[in-house]
Amino acid sequence: MANKLENVIIIGSGPAGLTSAIYASRANLEPLMIEGEEAGGQLMTTTDVENYPGYPEGIMGPEMMTLFRKQAERFGTRFITKNVTKVDFSQRPFKIWVGNEEYQAKSVIVSTGASAKYLGLDKEQTYLGRGVSACATCDGAFFRNQICSIIGGGDTAMEEALFLTRFASKVYVIHRRDDFRASKIMADRVKNHEKIEVLWNSELKDIKGEKNVESIVVYNNKTKEESEMKMDGVFIAIGHKPNTDLFKDQLDMDSVGYLITKAKSTYTNIEGVFAAGDVQDSVYRQAVSAAGSGCMAAIDCERWLEAQEHG
């Protein structure tokens, strides 16, 4: 049995989803947010956020998401803390399922975000926020005059390594092959940088430390030798996976799985379905840019609904 027809359902609850909820609820759209069981997005695993405007002393990621949520709630957003299990965007009203429970909506904002890919070592999660990070742009400034390593060999790894040289005293790029997949210009910058040393044919095997990261164990897959190195920060830069499996064969996405939005908008290929935040942004991936696109999605959605009413 379907519940009432919602004006807008927001799927996902990071900075993009919660900002769209604030705007949509202030526009009297009475949004329903299906926030997921792991609500709050990637910021829930981020300790200090120092680059979000308005927090001069910085703020803890989970605390910031709690404040975003309270603000959305204050204006009337309703929340379901469960995961969406299926969607049907083939006709309007759109149908969204949470288990056996079906919800219907005139419009949908998708803000399910992306997840950083990790190597799969137990210690990665143990030291997350205590020396291990998947975002140098977010956390690099905490490693002033320290020794850091970047794991990866693509353009993202090169960008992160170069960014870290502004803070770290030394940056090791650990790559399992003997050549980078990155573009030549980026690879050359890394190879020629005086603060960067590349460890070829090398794999991260272990991370050690009492409370924070203190050292790493690196395995050379050519010589089969292991060595322990002093290390303060470990940045995993092997890519992100957008959380878009739910929308396969319904919404247009690129080869990696990022949702494709029309230029200068949050419109997807389906009228009435909008996408905001890291689920459609493979470039910036910042809380502030996600929040900005959440605002855009709510405004696009409100105007689209208005046009439907008076069409």
Protein backbone atom coordinates (compact mmCIF):
# COMPACT_ATOMS: atom_id res chain seq x y z
CA MET A 1 0.00 0.00 0.00
CA ALA A 2 1.56 3.31 -1.11
CA ASN A 3 1.75 6.19 1.34
CA LYS A 4 0.65 9.69 0.41
CA LEU A 5 2.11 11.23 -2.74
CA GLU A 6 5.17 13.24 -1.68
CA ASN A 7 6.22 16.46 -3.43
CA VAL A 8 9.86 15.45 -3.21
CA ILE A 9 11.80 12.53 -1.79
CA ILE A 10 15.50 13.07 -1.09
CA ILE A 11 17.65 9.93 -1.13
CA GLY A 12 20.86 10.32 0.89
CA SER A 13 21.84 12.58 3.76
CA GLY A 14 25.28 14.10 3.35
CA PRO A 15 25.87 17.85 2.88
CA ALA A 16 24.13 17.80 -0.54
CA GLY A 17 21.00 15.99 0.64
CA LEU A 18 20.62 17.96 3.86
CA THR A 19 21.14 21.32 2.12
CA SER A 20 18.53 20.39 -0.48
CA ALA A 21 16.23 19.42 2.41
CA ILE A 22 16.73 22.82 4.08
CA TYR A 23 15.89 24.67 0.85
CA ALA A 24 13.00 22.37 -0.11
CA SER A 25 11.40 22.54 3.33
CA ARG A 26 11.73 26.33 3.46
CA ALA A 27 9.92 26.38 0.09
CA ASN A 28 7.03 24.47 1.77
CA LEU A 29 7.64 21.32 -0.29
CA GLU A 30 7.55 19.21 2.92
CA PRO A 31 10.37 16.93 1.75
CA LEU A 32 10.74 13.34 2.91
CA MET A 33 14.38 12.33 3.31
CA ILE A 34 15.32 8.65 3.24
CA GLU A 35 18.66 9.18 4.90
CA GLY A 36 20.00 5.63 4.98
CA GLU A 37 21.22 3.55 7.90
CA GLU A 38 24.66 5.17 7.74
CA ALA A 39 23.32 8.71 7.68
CA GLY A 40 25.50 11.78 7.23
CA GLY A 41 27.77 10.75 4.36
CA GLN A 42 31.57 10.77 4.26
CA LEU A 43 31.84 13.53 6.87
CA MET A 44 30.80 11.02 9.51
CA THR A 45 34.29 9.50 9.21
CA THR A 46 36.07 12.88 9.12
CA THR A 47 37.42 14.17 12.40
CA ASP A 48 38.29 17.87 11.99
CA VAL A 49 36.71 19.99 9.25
CA GLU A 50 38.67 23.23 8.99
CA ASN A 51 37.80 24.38 5.46
CA TYR A 52 34.02 24.82 5.71
CA PRO A 53 33.15 28.55 5.86
CA GLY A 54 31.62 29.76 9.11
CA TYR A 55 33.61 27.56 11.49
CA PRO A 56 36.78 29.57 12.21
CA GLU A 57 37.88 27.12 14.92
CA GLY A 58 36.98 24.08 12.81
CA ILE A 59 34.33 21.50 13.64
CA MET A 60 34.11 17.72 13.89
CA GLY A 61 32.53 16.12 10.81
CA PRO A 62 29.76 14.24 12.70
CA GLU A 63 28.89 17.36 14.72
CA MET A 64 28.57 19.39 11.53
CA MET A 65 26.22 16.83 10.01
CA THR A 66 24.10 16.84 13.20
CA LEU A 67 23.73 20.62 12.84
CA PHE A 68 22.80 20.31 9.13
CA ARG A 69 20.15 17.72 10.06
CA LYS A 70 18.70 19.82 12.90
CA GLN A 71 18.35 22.75 10.52
CA ALA A 72 16.49 20.62 7.95
CA GLU A 73 14.29 19.20 10.70
CA ARG A 74 13.51 22.68 12.05
CA PHE A 75 11.90 23.62 8.73
CA GLY A 76 9.82 20.45 8.54
CA THR A 77 11.89 17.78 6.79
CA ARG A 78 10.79 14.26 7.78
CA PHE A 79 13.35 11.47 8.01
CA ILE A 80 13.39 7.71 7.46
CA THR A 81 16.64 6.19 8.76
CA LYS A 82 16.63 3.18 6.48
CA ASN A 83 18.16 2.29 3.12
CA VAL A 84 16.32 2.58 -0.19
CA THR A 85 16.23 -0.91 -1.69
CA LYS A 86 14.67 -0.24 -5.12
CA VAL A 87 13.48 2.62 -7.32
CA ASP A 88 11.24 2.87 -10.37
CA PHE A 89 11.69 6.10 -12.32
CA SER A 90 10.04 4.77 -15.51
CA GLN A 91 6.85 6.76 -14.93
CA ARG A 92 5.44 9.44 -12.65
CA PRO A 93 4.72 9.39 -9.82
CA PHE A 94 8.13 7.89 -9.08
CA LYS A 95 8.20 4.83 -6.83
CA ILE A 96 10.78 4.22 -4.12
CA TRP A 97 10.93 1.16 -1.88
CA VAL A 98 12.39 0.75 1.58
CA GLY A 99 12.13 -3.01 1.98
CA ASN A 100 8.45 -3.81 1.30
CA GLU A 101 7.33 -0.26 2.04
CA GLU A 102 6.53 1.74 -1.12
CA TYR A 103 6.73 5.54 -1.32
CA GLN A 104 5.59 7.71 -4.23
CA ALA A 105 6.88 11.13 -5.22
CA LYS A 106 6.29 13.82 -7.82
CA SER A 107 10.05 14.50 -7.85
CA VAL A 108 13.26 12.99 -6.48
CA ILE A 109 16.64 14.41 -5.46
CA VAL A 110 19.41 11.81 -5.52
CA SER A 111 22.27 12.66 -3.14
CA THR A 112 23.66 9.23 -2.28
CA GLY A 113 27.28 10.41 -2.50
CA ALA A 114 30.38 8.41 -3.24
CA SER A 115 32.59 6.15 -1.16
CA ALA A 116 36.36 6.32 -1.17
CA LYS A 117 37.91 3.06 -2.29
CA TYR A 118 40.21 1.45 0.25
CA LEU A 119 42.79 -1.31 -0.09
CA GLY A 120 40.95 -3.58 2.32
CA LEU A 121 43.50 -3.63 5.16
CA ASP A 122 41.93 -3.88 8.63
CA LYS A 123 44.21 -1.13 9.88
CA GLU A 124 42.91 1.39 7.32
CA GLN A 125 39.64 1.67 9.22
CA THR A 126 41.39 1.46 12.62
CA TYR A 127 43.47 4.57 11.87
CA LEU A 128 40.88 6.46 9.81
CA GLY A 129 41.03 10.07 11.02
CA ARG A 130 44.18 9.24 13.04
CA GLY A 131 46.70 9.36 10.23
CA VAL A 132 44.79 7.54 7.48
CA SER A 133 42.73 9.65 5.06
CA ALA A 134 41.23 9.39 1.59
CA CYS A 135 41.35 13.15 0.95
CA ALA A 136 44.57 15.18 0.96
CA THR A 137 42.68 18.38 0.09
CA CYS A 138 40.58 17.89 3.24
CA ASP A 139 43.27 16.75 5.67
CA GLY A 140 46.68 17.76 4.27
CA ALA A 141 47.02 20.84 6.48
CA PHE A 142 47.11 18.61 9.59
CA PHE A 143 50.43 17.13 8.42
CA ARG A 144 52.67 20.20 8.46
CA ASN A 145 56.36 19.20 8.53
CA GLN A 146 55.46 15.52 8.75
CA ILE A 147 56.20 12.47 6.59
CA CYS A 148 53.32 11.29 4.42
CA SER A 149 52.62 8.63 1.83
CA ILE A 150 50.15 8.48 -1.04
CA ILE A 151 48.93 5.11 -2.27
CA GLY A 152 48.00 5.10 -5.97
CA GLY A 153 49.22 5.85 -9.47
CA GLY A 154 46.48 7.78 -11.27
CA ASP A 155 45.91 11.51 -11.73
CA THR A 156 44.15 11.77 -8.35
CA ALA A 157 47.19 10.31 -6.59
CA MET A 158 49.48 12.76 -8.43
CA GLU A 159 47.28 15.74 -7.51
CA GLU A 160 47.12 14.66 -3.88
CA ALA A 161 50.89 14.09 -3.69
CA LEU A 162 51.62 17.54 -5.13
CA PHE A 163 49.07 19.15 -2.81
CA LEU A 164 50.68 17.45 0.22
CA THR A 165 54.10 18.92 -0.61
CA ARG A 166 52.75 22.29 0.58
CA PHE A 167 52.62 20.91 4.12
CA ALA A 168 54.57 17.67 4.52
CA SER A 169 58.35 17.58 4.83
CA LYS A 170 58.49 14.44 2.67
CA VAL A 171 55.94 12.61 0.51
CA TYR A 172 56.32 9.01 -0.64
CA VAL A 173 54.19 7.83 -3.56
CA ILE A 174 53.70 4.08 -3.21
CA HIS A 175 52.68 2.40 -6.46
CA ARG A 176 52.37 -1.32 -7.14
CA ARG A 177 53.50 -1.05 -10.79
CA ASP A 178 56.66 0.32 -12.40
CA ASP A 179 54.87 3.15 -14.21
CA PHE A 180 52.04 5.57 -13.43
CA ARG A 181 48.62 5.44 -15.08
CA ALA A 182 48.45 9.22 -14.63
CA SER A 183 48.78 11.69 -17.49
CA LYS A 184 52.39 12.38 -18.47
CA ILE A 185 52.36 16.01 -17.32
CA MET A 186 51.13 15.08 -13.83
CA ALA A 187 53.47 12.09 -13.55
CA ASP A 188 56.47 14.23 -14.58
CA ARG A 189 55.64 16.87 -11.96
CA VAL A 190 55.62 14.20 -9.27
CA LYS A 191 58.82 12.52 -10.47
CA ASN A 192 60.66 15.85 -10.59
CA HIS A 193 59.48 17.26 -7.26
CA GLU A 194 62.26 17.56 -4.68
CA LYS A 195 59.97 16.60 -1.76
CA ILE A 196 58.52 13.48 -3.44
CA GLU A 197 60.06 10.02 -3.64
CA VAL A 198 58.36 7.29 -5.67
CA LEU A 199 58.46 3.70 -4.43
CA TRP A 200 57.82 1.58 -7.55
CA ASN A 201 56.50 -2.01 -7.48
CA SER A 202 55.48 -1.40 -3.89
CA GLU A 203 52.38 -2.23 -1.86
CA LEU A 204 51.17 -1.11 1.54
CA LYS A 205 51.01 -4.20 3.74
CA ASP A 206 50.49 -2.88 7.26
CA ILE A 207 50.02 0.29 9.31
CA LYS A 208 51.40 0.56 12.84
CA GLY A 209 51.16 2.96 15.77
CA GLU A 210 49.85 3.24 19.31
CA LYS A 211 47.08 5.82 18.92
CA ASN A 212 47.96 7.43 15.58
CA VAL A 213 49.90 6.21 12.55
CA GLU A 214 53.61 5.92 13.37
CA SER A 215 54.97 3.60 10.69
CA ILE A 216 54.01 1.49 7.68
CA VAL A 217 55.18 -1.82 6.25
CA VAL A 218 55.84 -1.76 2.49
CA TYR A 219 56.20 -4.88 0.34
CA ASN A 220 58.26 -4.76 -2.87
CA ASN A 221 56.57 -7.16 -5.31
CA LYS A 222 59.74 -7.43 -7.44
CA THR A 223 62.33 -8.17 -4.74
CA LYS A 224 59.72 -9.77 -2.40
CA GLU A 225 61.21 -7.78 0.47
CA GLU A 226 59.31 -6.02 3.25
CA SER A 227 60.51 -2.86 4.93
CA GLU A 228 59.15 -0.72 7.77
CA MET A 229 59.17 3.06 7.32
CA LYS A 230 58.47 5.88 9.78
CA MET A 231 55.23 7.54 8.64
CA ASP A 232 52.79 10.13 10.03
CA GLY A 233 50.11 10.16 7.36
CA VAL A 234 48.78 7.61 4.85
CA PHE A 235 46.56 8.91 2.05
CA ILE A 236 44.67 6.33 0.01
CA ALA A 237 44.18 7.70 -3.52
CA ILE A 238 42.88 4.78 -5.55
CA GLY A 239 39.63 6.45 -6.55
CA HIS A 240 36.02 6.81 -5.43
CA LYS A 241 32.96 4.74 -6.22
CA PRO A 242 29.73 6.69 -6.58
CA ASN A 243 26.81 5.05 -4.75
CA THR A 244 24.68 4.59 -7.84
CA ASP A 245 24.04 0.84 -8.13
CA LEU A 246 20.36 1.49 -7.27
CA PHE A 247 19.93 3.64 -10.38
CA LYS A 248 21.58 1.43 -13.03
CA ASP A 249 19.61 1.25 -16.31
CA GLN A 250 17.42 4.16 -15.16
CA LEU A 251 19.68 7.20 -14.81
CA ASP A 252 22.50 8.06 -17.22
CA MET A 253 25.95 7.62 -15.69
CA ASP A 254 29.55 7.70 -16.89
CA SER A 255 31.87 4.71 -17.14
CA VAL A 256 32.78 4.92 -13.44
CA GLY A 257 29.16 5.30 -12.31
CA TYR A 258 28.85 9.04 -11.62
CA LEU A 259 25.40 10.37 -12.53
CA ILE A 260 25.40 12.69 -15.53
CA THR A 261 23.63 16.02 -15.02
CA LYS A 262 22.75 18.53 -17.70
CA ALA A 263 25.10 21.51 -18.01
CA LYS A 264 24.72 24.21 -15.35
CA SER A 265 21.93 22.29 -13.62
CA THR A 266 21.16 19.26 -11.47
CA TYR A 267 18.74 17.73 -14.02
CA THR A 268 19.33 14.05 -14.83
CA ASN A 269 18.09 12.38 -18.03
CA ILE A 270 14.71 11.79 -16.35
CA GLU A 271 12.45 14.82 -15.95
CA GLY A 272 11.76 15.37 -12.26
CA VAL A 273 14.81 13.48 -10.99
CA PHE A 274 17.71 15.65 -9.85
CA ALA A 275 21.21 14.74 -8.62
CA ALA A 276 23.45 16.65 -6.22
CA GLY A 277 26.79 16.24 -4.47
CA ASP A 278 29.48 13.61 -4.90
CA VAL A 279 27.10 11.23 -6.67
CA GLN A 280 27.51 13.48 -9.75
CA ASP A 281 30.80 15.27 -8.93
CA SER A 282 34.03 13.42 -9.64
CA VAL A 283 36.11 16.62 -9.65
CA TYR A 284 35.74 18.70 -6.47
CA ARG A 285 34.30 16.28 -3.90
CA GLN A 286 34.16 18.84 -1.08
CA ALA A 287 31.46 19.34 1.55
CA VAL A 288 31.02 22.96 0.50
CA SER A 289 30.60 22.16 -3.21
CA ALA A 290 28.22 19.31 -2.35
CA ALA A 291 26.14 21.67 -0.20
CA GLY A 292 26.11 24.19 -3.08
CA SER A 293 24.79 21.62 -5.53
CA GLY A 294 22.18 20.54 -2.94
CA CYS A 295 20.90 24.12 -2.94
CA MET A 296 20.84 24.04 -6.77
CA ALA A 297 18.91 20.74 -6.80
CA ALA A 298 16.23 22.07 -4.44
CA ILE A 299 15.80 25.24 -6.54
CA ASP A 300 15.71 23.25 -9.80
CA CYS A 301 13.19 20.86 -8.23
CA GLU A 302 10.97 23.64 -6.86
CA ARG A 303 10.88 25.44 -10.23
CA TRP A 304 10.19 22.20 -12.09
CA LEU A 305 7.29 21.33 -9.76
CA GLU A 306 5.92 24.86 -10.17
CA ALA A 307 6.03 24.48 -13.97
CA GLN A 308 4.20 21.12 -13.70
CA GLU A 309 1.40 22.68 -11.61
CA HIS A 310 0.94 25.54 -14.06
CA GLY A 311 1.98 23.69 -17.23
